[in-house]
């Protein structure tokens, strides 16, 4: 006896329809799963066997063969437990219902409970695109599935509940977005720039960075507020669009980091990995690669505190994703690409003791130690950081008795206005912000006044800028102009942008 039904799998960011075929024939009892399954899929045989018995069904004492097609794509994880069980029930004539318009997904416990799986949002979108009318998913994944329209998605908690629904004994209702109200995310709303005293230049630099999506390097002594400033950056970033929320949620769903009961991620991610993180931890890895920190920060902020303490391999793995907005990972199972459109914010001390160049405290490091410490950050990576800003020690007068600083809401209002100018300017182009401008688009949208061009020419020769630094100065100047209404780039805009490229000369070319 033979049965066939549909399921969905995920490989990287892409989902695909899987046909689950079950054949029960005479011969020595056995249970084989074919179709390029991994170890977790092979182990489904034991979970399905126990779940069948504990839910009151007969386990066929026959030769059972289950095929997961297409057979040339590796099947990963326990997500096929439920469809395999349903296919066996149909092939053994224990379930006689029409399942042609259905798809199933879910991990099984030995008692027949249906447990959540990773990557459900991508699966639900693919099921909707494939014309599947009824999609049965674990109840724990109901929230993320509720955002997909045009398909009836039924959350189920057990095999018994699913069988009662299919046979008419119990009626389940499809999920709706209002069934899962948004829940607060990570408490980022509590962090406000109003809490930061002084530091007007770094705050301005972060406002420019947020308005254009630029990468930032903060350099200064311990206790000057580098981490405090970086952690407040999400509070001034523009609101996420629905498309950005969907893409970000898909990544976190695949990685298994999505909160239970959360329909969509609506707050821009803020990821702050420890400096002991490995290169695969940043870029993603595994036999079947899963997203790393740089992809988990997609559409948000990747904060690297104490940048020189990261390994050289970890820092250098950032170069291609920062340039392309995608991270490509090659393994035996295939080559996968994950989006990585992030704002990289890096913070560092100017030397091992932290007080090189400090106005009042003496640095205890030798010139060689300072040079070696700064040399851990390579020139190519430094070139990819659009804005370099010094975070000086905070003065007592700025902490005591100073008026309350400007709040994040006011800064965010200006950032949103600048981003709206960019969205309108690039509405027909695959560009969302100034930081993503390509070289041809720079020539089209970053036209300089005569004075601005003269200033930039002189600075290029005097500072020995690279071609990449030249492009990034233009992008930052474009953003500064957008914060003032989006007109032509003037001398003041170029002058400010150049100020954000001077610290590499102060520290890296200082001769220490």
Protein backbone atom coordinates (compact mmCIF):
# COMPACT_ATOMS: atom_id res chain seq x y z
CA UNK A 1 0.00 0.00 0.00
CA UNK A 2 1.21 3.46 -0.91
CA UNK A 3 0.47 7.02 0.28
CA UNK A 4 1.86 10.41 -0.55
CA UNK A 5 1.42 13.82 1.08
CA UNK A 6 3.22 17.14 1.25
CA UNK A 7 5.57 18.79 3.68
CA UNK A 8 8.04 21.69 3.51
CA UNK A 9 11.78 21.90 4.15
CA UNK A 10 14.31 24.70 4.56
CA UNK A 11 17.79 24.97 3.10
CA UNK A 12 19.45 28.24 4.03
CA UNK A 13 16.91 31.05 3.61
CA UNK A 14 14.93 29.14 0.98
CA UNK A 15 12.09 26.74 1.63
CA UNK A 16 11.02 23.96 -0.73
CA UNK A 17 8.11 21.55 -1.02
CA UNK A 18 8.85 18.00 0.09
CA UNK A 19 6.78 15.01 -1.06
CA UNK A 20 6.60 12.41 1.69
CA UNK A 21 5.97 8.98 0.12
CA UNK A 22 5.26 5.93 2.27
CA UNK A 23 5.14 2.36 1.00
CA UNK A 24 4.10 -0.62 3.15
CA UNK A 25 4.85 -4.00 1.62
CA UNK A 26 5.28 -7.62 2.64
CA UNK A 27 8.66 -8.90 3.72
CA UNK A 28 10.84 -8.75 6.77
CA UNK A 29 9.73 -5.95 9.13
CA UNK A 30 11.81 -2.83 8.72
CA UNK A 31 11.59 0.94 8.56
CA UNK A 32 13.83 2.79 6.10
CA UNK A 33 13.90 6.52 5.40
CA UNK A 34 15.53 7.59 2.12
CA UNK A 35 15.87 10.89 0.27
CA UNK A 36 19.16 12.24 1.66
CA UNK A 37 18.10 12.45 5.34
CA UNK A 38 20.45 13.59 8.10
CA UNK A 39 20.81 11.82 11.44
CA UNK A 40 17.87 13.67 13.01
CA UNK A 41 15.58 12.62 10.15
CA UNK A 42 16.71 8.99 10.42
CA UNK A 43 15.95 9.05 14.15
CA UNK A 44 12.36 9.97 13.32
CA UNK A 45 11.73 6.24 12.85
CA UNK A 46 11.85 5.69 16.62
CA UNK A 47 9.78 8.77 17.44
CA UNK A 48 7.13 7.85 14.86
CA UNK A 49 6.97 4.24 16.05
CA UNK A 50 6.39 5.24 19.68
CA UNK A 51 3.99 8.07 18.81
CA UNK A 52 1.81 5.72 16.73
CA UNK A 53 1.50 3.22 19.57
CA UNK A 54 0.94 5.81 22.30
CA UNK A 55 -1.79 7.53 20.26
CA UNK A 56 -3.75 4.26 19.92
CA UNK A 57 -2.77 3.28 16.36
CA UNK A 58 -1.28 0.03 15.12
CA UNK A 59 2.32 0.04 14.04
CA UNK A 60 2.49 -1.95 10.75
CA UNK A 61 4.58 -5.08 11.20
CA UNK A 62 5.72 -4.93 7.59
CA UNK A 63 8.46 -3.44 5.47
CA UNK A 64 8.03 0.36 5.60
CA UNK A 65 9.87 2.60 3.16
CA UNK A 66 9.58 6.38 3.39
CA UNK A 67 10.99 8.59 0.64
CA UNK A 68 11.50 12.34 1.02
CA UNK A 69 11.57 13.91 -2.42
CA UNK A 70 13.40 15.67 -4.02
CA UNK A 71 16.19 13.28 -3.13
CA UNK A 72 19.04 15.61 -4.17
CA UNK A 73 18.42 18.17 -1.38
CA UNK A 74 19.54 17.26 2.11
CA UNK A 75 16.69 16.96 4.65
CA UNK A 76 17.68 18.36 8.01
CA UNK A 77 16.16 18.19 11.49
CA UNK A 78 13.14 16.52 13.09
CA UNK A 79 10.61 18.59 11.11
CA UNK A 80 9.38 15.59 9.07
CA UNK A 81 8.19 13.47 12.03
CA UNK A 82 4.54 14.47 11.66
CA UNK A 83 4.25 14.07 7.86
CA UNK A 84 5.98 10.67 8.04
CA UNK A 85 3.49 9.51 10.67
CA UNK A 86 0.54 10.80 8.64
CA UNK A 87 1.82 9.08 5.48
CA UNK A 88 2.14 5.75 7.35
CA UNK A 89 -1.40 6.09 8.72
CA UNK A 90 -2.72 6.59 5.20
CA UNK A 91 -0.63 3.82 3.67
CA UNK A 92 -1.84 1.38 6.35
CA UNK A 93 -5.53 2.40 5.84
CA UNK A 94 -5.84 3.65 9.42
CA UNK A 95 -6.72 7.15 8.16
CA UNK A 96 -9.02 7.56 5.18
CA UNK A 97 -9.33 11.27 4.43
CA UNK A 98 -8.37 13.43 1.46
CA UNK A 99 -5.08 15.22 2.16
CA UNK A 100 -4.27 16.48 -1.33
CA UNK A 101 -4.47 20.16 -0.40
CA UNK A 102 -2.67 19.71 2.94
CA UNK A 103 0.89 19.99 4.17
CA UNK A 104 2.28 18.93 7.55
CA UNK A 105 5.30 19.89 9.61
CA UNK A 106 6.36 19.17 13.17
CA UNK A 107 8.57 17.25 15.55
CA UNK A 108 6.95 14.48 17.61
CA UNK A 109 7.42 13.44 21.19
CA UNK A 110 7.14 9.76 22.08
CA UNK A 111 3.60 10.45 23.36
CA UNK A 112 2.47 12.09 20.13
CA UNK A 113 2.81 15.74 21.14
CA UNK A 114 3.77 18.12 18.31
CA UNK A 115 6.76 20.30 19.12
CA UNK A 116 7.91 23.55 17.49
CA UNK A 117 10.48 23.58 14.69
CA UNK A 118 12.88 26.14 13.28
CA UNK A 119 12.31 28.00 10.01
CA UNK A 120 8.52 27.83 10.10
CA UNK A 121 7.98 31.32 8.64
CA UNK A 122 9.94 30.47 5.48
CA UNK A 123 8.00 27.22 5.21
CA UNK A 124 4.62 28.92 5.54
CA UNK A 125 5.49 31.45 2.84
CA UNK A 126 6.60 28.65 0.48
CA UNK A 127 3.44 26.64 1.23
CA UNK A 128 1.32 29.68 0.37
CA UNK A 129 3.26 30.22 -2.87
CA UNK A 130 2.82 26.54 -3.79
CA UNK A 131 -0.98 26.79 -3.53
CA UNK A 132 -1.38 24.62 -0.44
CA UNK A 133 -4.72 25.41 1.19
CA UNK A 134 -4.30 23.80 4.62
CA UNK A 135 -1.00 23.83 6.50
CA UNK A 136 -0.80 22.02 9.85
CA UNK A 137 1.99 23.34 12.08
CA UNK A 138 3.03 22.98 15.74
CA UNK A 139 1.06 25.19 18.12
CA UNK A 140 4.33 26.70 19.32
CA UNK A 141 4.91 28.09 15.81
CA UNK A 142 1.44 29.55 15.45
CA UNK A 143 2.56 33.13 16.14
CA UNK A 144 5.12 33.41 13.34
CA UNK A 145 2.83 31.55 10.92
CA UNK A 146 -0.04 33.97 11.62
CA UNK A 147 1.53 36.74 9.52
CA UNK A 148 1.25 34.73 6.27
CA UNK A 149 -1.92 35.51 4.36
CA UNK A 150 -3.72 33.50 1.68
CA UNK A 151 -3.43 30.10 3.38
CA UNK A 152 -5.26 28.40 6.24
CA UNK A 153 -2.68 27.56 8.91
CA UNK A 154 -3.82 25.30 11.75
CA UNK A 155 -1.75 25.12 14.96
CA UNK A 156 -1.89 21.66 16.54
CA UNK A 157 -0.55 20.42 19.86
CA UNK A 158 -0.83 16.65 19.39
CA UNK A 159 -1.39 13.93 16.81
CA UNK A 160 -4.69 13.01 18.46
CA UNK A 161 -5.98 16.58 18.08
CA UNK A 162 -4.99 16.59 14.40
CA UNK A 163 -6.75 13.26 13.73
CA UNK A 164 -9.94 14.44 15.45
CA UNK A 165 -9.93 17.56 13.27
CA UNK A 166 -9.41 15.63 10.04
CA UNK A 167 -12.12 13.06 10.88
CA UNK A 168 -14.65 15.65 12.03
CA UNK A 169 -14.47 14.97 15.76
CA UNK A 170 -13.06 18.42 16.58
CA UNK A 171 -12.94 21.61 14.55
CA UNK A 172 -9.82 23.75 14.66
CA UNK A 173 -9.73 27.38 13.55
CA UNK A 174 -6.93 28.80 11.36
CA UNK A 175 -4.57 31.24 13.05
CA UNK A 176 -5.15 34.98 12.67
CA UNK A 177 -2.72 37.85 13.37
CA UNK A 178 -4.94 39.14 16.18
CA UNK A 179 -4.54 35.80 17.98
CA UNK A 180 -0.93 36.75 18.74
CA UNK A 181 -0.53 40.36 19.86
CA UNK A 182 2.96 41.81 19.68
CA UNK A 183 5.05 41.33 22.80
CA UNK A 184 7.85 43.62 24.01
CA UNK A 185 11.35 42.91 22.74
CA UNK A 186 14.51 42.95 24.86
CA UNK A 187 13.82 46.19 26.75
CA UNK A 188 15.68 48.39 24.26
CA UNK A 189 13.04 51.09 24.75
CA UNK A 190 14.51 51.77 28.21
CA UNK A 191 17.85 52.93 26.77
CA UNK A 192 17.71 56.61 25.80
CA UNK A 193 20.30 59.12 24.67
CA UNK A 194 18.94 61.49 27.29
CA UNK A 195 20.85 59.40 29.84
CA UNK A 196 24.19 60.24 28.24
CA UNK A 197 25.82 63.41 29.53
CA UNK A 198 28.05 65.38 27.17
CA UNK A 199 29.58 63.55 24.20
CA UNK A 200 27.93 65.88 21.68
CA UNK A 201 30.26 64.99 18.79
CA UNK A 202 29.85 61.19 19.19
CA UNK A 203 26.07 61.65 19.47
CA UNK A 204 26.06 63.68 16.25
CA UNK A 205 28.18 61.02 14.55
CA UNK A 206 25.75 58.26 15.60
CA UNK A 207 22.83 60.35 14.36
CA UNK A 208 24.51 60.62 10.95
CA UNK A 209 25.27 56.89 11.02
CA UNK A 210 21.64 56.02 11.83
CA UNK A 211 20.33 58.34 9.13
CA UNK A 212 22.42 56.71 6.41
CA UNK A 213 23.07 53.19 7.72
CA UNK A 214 26.81 53.79 8.07
CA UNK A 215 29.39 51.73 9.96
CA UNK A 216 31.03 53.44 12.95
CA UNK A 217 34.25 53.13 14.94
CA UNK A 218 34.24 54.60 18.47
CA UNK A 219 37.67 55.02 20.01
CA UNK A 220 38.41 56.40 23.46
CA UNK A 221 39.63 55.61 26.99
CA UNK A 222 37.81 53.27 29.40
CA UNK A 223 34.69 54.76 30.97
CA UNK A 224 34.15 57.44 28.34
CA UNK A 225 30.78 55.98 27.31
CA UNK A 226 31.52 54.03 24.10
CA UNK A 227 29.36 51.02 25.03
CA UNK A 228 26.68 53.26 26.54
CA UNK A 229 26.38 55.18 23.27
CA UNK A 230 26.37 52.05 21.10
CA UNK A 231 23.65 50.34 23.14
CA UNK A 232 21.39 53.36 22.66
CA UNK A 233 21.80 53.40 18.89
CA UNK A 234 18.73 51.16 18.24
CA UNK A 235 16.56 53.80 19.93
CA UNK A 236 17.25 56.28 17.10
CA UNK A 237 17.19 53.90 14.15
CA UNK A 238 14.20 54.25 11.78
CA UNK A 239 11.22 51.97 12.25
CA UNK A 240 11.39 48.65 10.41
CA UNK A 241 9.27 48.19 7.30
CA UNK A 242 7.05 45.11 7.04
CA UNK A 243 9.41 43.56 4.46
CA UNK A 244 12.38 44.09 6.80
CA UNK A 245 10.45 42.54 9.70
CA UNK A 246 9.60 39.48 7.61
CA UNK A 247 13.19 38.97 6.47
CA UNK A 248 14.63 39.48 9.95
CA UNK A 249 12.07 37.13 11.50
CA UNK A 250 12.88 34.45 8.92
CA UNK A 251 16.56 34.54 9.87
CA UNK A 252 15.86 34.27 13.60
CA UNK A 253 13.31 31.52 13.00
CA UNK A 254 15.85 29.48 11.02
CA UNK A 255 18.46 30.04 13.75
CA UNK A 256 16.01 29.06 16.48
CA UNK A 257 16.36 32.37 18.34
CA UNK A 258 12.80 33.63 17.80
CA UNK A 259 10.87 34.17 21.03
CA UNK A 260 7.93 31.86 21.59
CA UNK A 261 4.65 33.65 20.89
CA UNK A 262 6.29 36.44 18.88
CA UNK A 263 4.63 36.92 15.47
CA UNK A 264 7.22 39.30 14.02
CA UNK A 265 10.44 41.01 15.07
CA UNK A 266 9.59 44.70 14.88
CA UNK A 267 12.57 46.15 16.79
CA UNK A 268 15.86 46.32 14.93
CA UNK A 269 18.22 43.62 16.25
CA UNK A 270 21.18 44.54 18.43
CA UNK A 271 23.80 41.80 18.60
CA UNK A 272 26.86 42.13 20.79
CA UNK A 273 29.00 38.96 20.60
CA UNK A 274 31.90 38.53 23.03
CA UNK A 275 35.39 39.02 21.65
CA UNK A 276 36.08 35.28 22.02
CA UNK A 277 33.58 34.51 19.23
CA UNK A 278 35.01 32.46 16.37
CA UNK A 279 34.96 33.36 12.69
CA UNK A 280 32.17 30.79 11.98
CA UNK A 281 30.29 32.20 14.96
CA UNK A 282 30.21 35.57 13.21
CA UNK A 283 29.64 34.44 9.64
CA UNK A 284 27.62 31.28 10.28
CA UNK A 285 28.60 27.64 10.06
CA UNK A 286 27.87 24.00 10.69
CA UNK A 287 27.68 21.01 8.37
CA UNK A 288 24.49 22.61 7.07
CA UNK A 289 25.30 26.29 7.72
CA UNK A 290 23.06 28.25 10.05
CA UNK A 291 23.08 32.06 10.42
CA UNK A 292 25.89 33.65 12.42
CA UNK A 293 25.94 36.86 14.42
CA UNK A 294 26.33 39.10 11.38
CA UNK A 295 23.15 37.65 9.82
CA UNK A 296 21.26 37.69 13.12
CA UNK A 297 21.99 41.44 13.18
CA UNK A 298 20.51 41.90 9.67
CA UNK A 299 18.58 45.19 9.44
CA UNK A 300 20.01 46.14 12.83
CA UNK A 301 23.26 46.72 14.69
CA UNK A 302 26.27 44.44 15.17
CA UNK A 303 28.29 45.83 18.08
CA UNK A 304 31.87 44.65 18.54
CA UNK A 305 33.19 45.95 21.84
CA UNK A 306 36.97 45.88 22.37
CA UNK A 307 37.56 45.37 18.64
CA UNK A 308 41.32 44.61 18.80
CA UNK A 309 40.63 41.72 21.19
CA UNK A 310 38.74 39.82 18.47
CA UNK A 311 40.81 37.29 16.57
CA UNK A 312 42.23 38.36 13.22
CA UNK A 313 40.19 35.64 11.47
CA UNK A 314 36.96 36.88 13.08
CA UNK A 315 37.63 40.49 12.08
CA UNK A 316 38.63 39.67 8.52
CA UNK A 317 35.54 37.51 7.95
CA UNK A 318 33.51 40.72 8.22
CA UNK A 319 35.04 42.33 5.15
CA UNK A 320 33.00 40.63 2.41
CA UNK A 321 29.62 40.79 4.23
CA UNK A 322 30.10 44.50 5.00
CA UNK A 323 30.85 45.22 1.36
CA UNK A 324 28.15 43.04 -0.26
CA UNK A 325 25.41 42.91 2.37
CA UNK A 326 25.43 39.10 2.03
CA UNK A 327 27.51 36.37 3.66
CA UNK A 328 28.24 33.26 1.59
CA UNK A 329 29.13 29.99 3.31
CA UNK A 330 30.39 26.92 1.44
CA UNK A 331 30.15 23.46 2.93
CA UNK A 332 29.92 19.91 1.60
CA UNK A 333 26.12 20.17 1.78
CA UNK A 334 26.17 23.19 -0.54
CA UNK A 335 26.76 26.92 -0.70
CA UNK A 336 24.33 29.13 1.18
CA UNK A 337 23.91 32.88 1.36
CA UNK A 338 22.39 34.80 4.24
CA UNK A 339 21.64 38.55 4.19
CA UNK A 340 23.87 40.71 6.35
CA UNK A 341 22.83 44.32 5.82
CA UNK A 342 24.04 45.53 9.20
CA UNK A 343 25.34 48.66 10.83
CA UNK A 344 28.66 47.65 12.29
CA UNK A 345 29.52 49.62 15.41
CA UNK A 346 32.99 48.89 16.79
CA UNK A 347 34.47 50.27 20.00
CA UNK A 348 38.06 50.16 21.15
CA UNK A 349 40.65 51.70 23.44
CA UNK A 350 43.58 53.52 21.82
CA UNK A 351 46.13 51.25 23.54
CA UNK A 352 46.31 48.22 25.87
CA UNK A 353 46.06 50.32 29.05
CA UNK A 354 43.46 52.59 27.41
CA UNK A 355 45.01 55.98 28.16
CA UNK A 356 47.12 56.78 25.11
CA UNK A 357 46.44 60.44 24.32
CA UNK A 358 44.42 60.96 27.52
CA UNK A 359 44.49 64.61 28.69
CA UNK A 360 45.09 63.86 32.39
CA UNK A 361 46.15 60.23 32.83
CA UNK A 362 49.51 58.89 31.74
CA UNK A 363 49.70 55.98 29.30
CA UNK A 364 51.87 53.13 30.66
CA UNK A 365 52.29 51.40 27.29
CA UNK A 366 55.48 51.44 25.24
CA UNK A 367 55.29 52.85 21.69
CA UNK A 368 55.78 49.34 20.36
CA UNK A 369 52.88 48.01 22.46
CA UNK A 370 50.61 50.80 21.21
CA UNK A 371 51.64 50.16 17.60
CA UNK A 372 51.08 46.40 17.99
CA UNK A 373 47.69 46.91 19.62
CA UNK A 374 46.41 49.27 16.93
CA UNK A 375 47.86 47.00 14.24
CA UNK A 376 45.40 44.27 15.20
CA UNK A 377 42.78 46.24 13.25
CA UNK A 378 43.71 45.88 9.60
CA UNK A 379 43.62 48.72 7.12
CA UNK A 380 41.00 47.06 4.85
CA UNK A 381 38.61 46.63 7.79
CA UNK A 382 39.26 50.18 8.98
CA UNK A 383 38.51 51.41 5.46
CA UNK A 384 35.05 49.81 5.63
CA UNK A 385 34.11 51.80 8.72
CA UNK A 386 32.56 54.96 7.29
CA UNK A 387 32.71 57.08 10.44
CA UNK A 388 35.62 57.22 12.91
CA UNK A 389 34.82 59.24 16.02
CA UNK A 390 36.76 59.88 19.20
CA UNK A 391 34.90 59.52 22.50
CA UNK A 392 36.81 61.72 24.98
CA UNK A 393 36.58 61.52 28.78
CA UNK A 394 33.44 63.16 30.14
CA UNK A 395 33.97 66.33 32.16
CA UNK A 396 32.53 66.72 35.66
CA UNK A 397 30.44 69.71 34.57
CA UNK A 398 28.73 67.55 31.93
CA UNK A 399 27.68 64.99 34.54
CA UNK A 400 26.73 67.30 37.41
CA UNK A 401 24.24 70.11 36.99
CA UNK A 402 24.18 69.98 33.19
CA UNK A 403 20.75 70.27 31.51
CA UNK A 404 19.15 66.99 30.46
CA UNK A 405 20.44 65.83 27.10
CA UNK A 406 18.29 65.51 23.99
CA UNK A 407 16.13 62.40 24.08
CA UNK A 408 16.19 59.60 21.52
CA UNK A 409 12.71 60.44 20.24
CA UNK A 410 13.86 63.85 18.99
CA UNK A 411 16.93 62.41 17.29
CA UNK A 412 14.87 59.63 15.76
CA UNK A 413 12.46 62.16 14.29
CA UNK A 414 15.33 63.72 12.30
CA UNK A 415 16.64 60.29 11.32
CA UNK A 416 13.22 59.24 10.02
CA UNK A 417 12.95 62.43 7.98
CA UNK A 418 16.35 61.78 6.38
CA UNK A 419 15.47 58.13 5.68
CA UNK A 420 12.19 59.23 4.06
CA UNK A 421 14.18 61.44 1.68
CA UNK A 422 16.35 58.44 0.80
CA UNK A 423 13.36 56.12 0.28
CA UNK A 424 11.81 58.61 -2.10
CA UNK A 425 15.10 59.15 -3.94
CA UNK A 426 15.80 55.43 -4.38
CA UNK A 427 12.21 54.19 -4.74
CA UNK A 428 12.93 52.67 -8.19
CA UNK A 429 16.30 51.20 -7.14
CA UNK A 430 17.39 48.20 -5.02
CA UNK A 431 18.89 50.60 -2.47
CA UNK A 432 17.40 51.47 0.92
CA UNK A 433 19.92 53.92 2.36
CA UNK A 434 22.98 55.96 1.44
CA UNK A 435 25.42 53.41 2.86
CA UNK A 436 24.32 50.93 0.16
CA UNK A 437 25.01 53.22 -2.81
CA UNK A 438 27.10 51.66 -5.58
CA UNK A 439 29.79 53.56 -7.50
CA UNK A 440 27.53 54.38 -10.50
CA UNK A 441 24.81 55.64 -8.14
CA UNK A 442 27.34 57.79 -6.27
CA UNK A 443 28.03 59.71 -9.46
CA UNK A 444 24.31 60.17 -10.00
CA UNK A 445 23.18 61.16 -6.52
CA UNK A 446 26.27 62.65 -4.84
CA UNK A 447 26.95 65.72 -6.94
CA UNK A 448 29.15 68.29 -5.20
CA UNK A 449 29.17 72.05 -5.25
CA UNK A 450 32.36 73.68 -6.57
CA UNK A 451 33.55 74.52 -3.06
CA UNK A 452 32.84 71.01 -1.79
CA UNK A 453 34.72 69.45 -4.68
CA UNK A 454 37.74 71.68 -4.04
CA UNK A 455 37.82 70.74 -0.34
CA UNK A 456 37.55 67.04 -1.11
CA UNK A 457 40.30 67.19 -3.76
CA UNK A 458 42.72 68.88 -1.39
CA UNK A 459 41.90 66.44 1.41
CA UNK A 460 42.28 63.42 -0.87
CA UNK A 461 45.83 64.39 -1.78
CA UNK A 462 46.84 65.54 1.70
CA UNK A 463 45.34 62.62 3.66
CA UNK A 464 46.29 59.90 1.18
CA UNK A 465 42.74 58.52 1.02
CA UNK A 466 41.94 55.26 -0.76
CA UNK A 467 39.29 54.98 -3.44
CA UNK A 468 37.02 53.18 -0.95
CA UNK A 469 37.49 55.97 1.61
CA UNK A 470 36.63 58.53 -1.09
CA UNK A 471 33.36 56.71 -1.83
CA UNK A 472 32.47 56.47 1.85
CA UNK A 473 33.14 60.15 2.44
CA UNK A 474 30.69 60.94 -0.36
CA UNK A 475 28.08 58.63 1.18
CA UNK A 476 28.44 60.21 4.62
CA UNK A 477 28.30 63.73 3.11
CA UNK A 478 25.13 62.71 1.26
CA UNK A 479 23.58 61.66 4.57
CA UNK A 480 24.60 64.90 6.31
CA UNK A 481 22.95 66.84 3.48
CA UNK A 482 19.81 64.69 3.83
CA UNK A 483 19.61 65.57 7.53
CA UNK A 484 19.43 69.21 6.40
CA UNK A 485 16.73 68.60 3.78
CA UNK A 486 18.36 66.60 1.00
CA UNK A 487 19.80 69.33 -1.20
CA UNK A 488 23.09 69.41 -3.08
CA UNK A 489 26.20 68.41 -1.11
CA UNK A 490 27.95 71.58 0.02
CA UNK A 491 31.29 72.50 1.52
CA UNK A 492 30.00 72.16 5.11
CA UNK A 493 28.72 68.64 4.45
CA UNK A 494 32.04 67.50 2.97
CA UNK A 495 34.00 69.17 5.78
CA UNK A 496 32.01 67.31 8.44
CA UNK A 497 32.33 64.01 6.57
CA UNK A 498 36.10 64.48 6.36
CA UNK A 499 36.27 65.01 10.13
CA UNK A 500 34.88 61.50 10.50
CA UNK A 501 37.87 60.05 8.58
CA UNK A 502 40.72 61.63 10.54
CA UNK A 503 41.28 59.30 13.48
CA UNK A 504 43.04 56.61 11.45
CA UNK A 505 45.66 59.27 10.69
CA UNK A 506 45.85 60.40 14.31
CA UNK A 507 46.35 56.91 15.75
CA UNK A 508 47.41 54.49 13.00
CA UNK A 509 49.72 56.95 11.23
CA UNK A 510 50.97 58.68 14.37
CA UNK A 511 54.38 57.03 14.22
CA UNK A 512 54.09 55.23 17.56
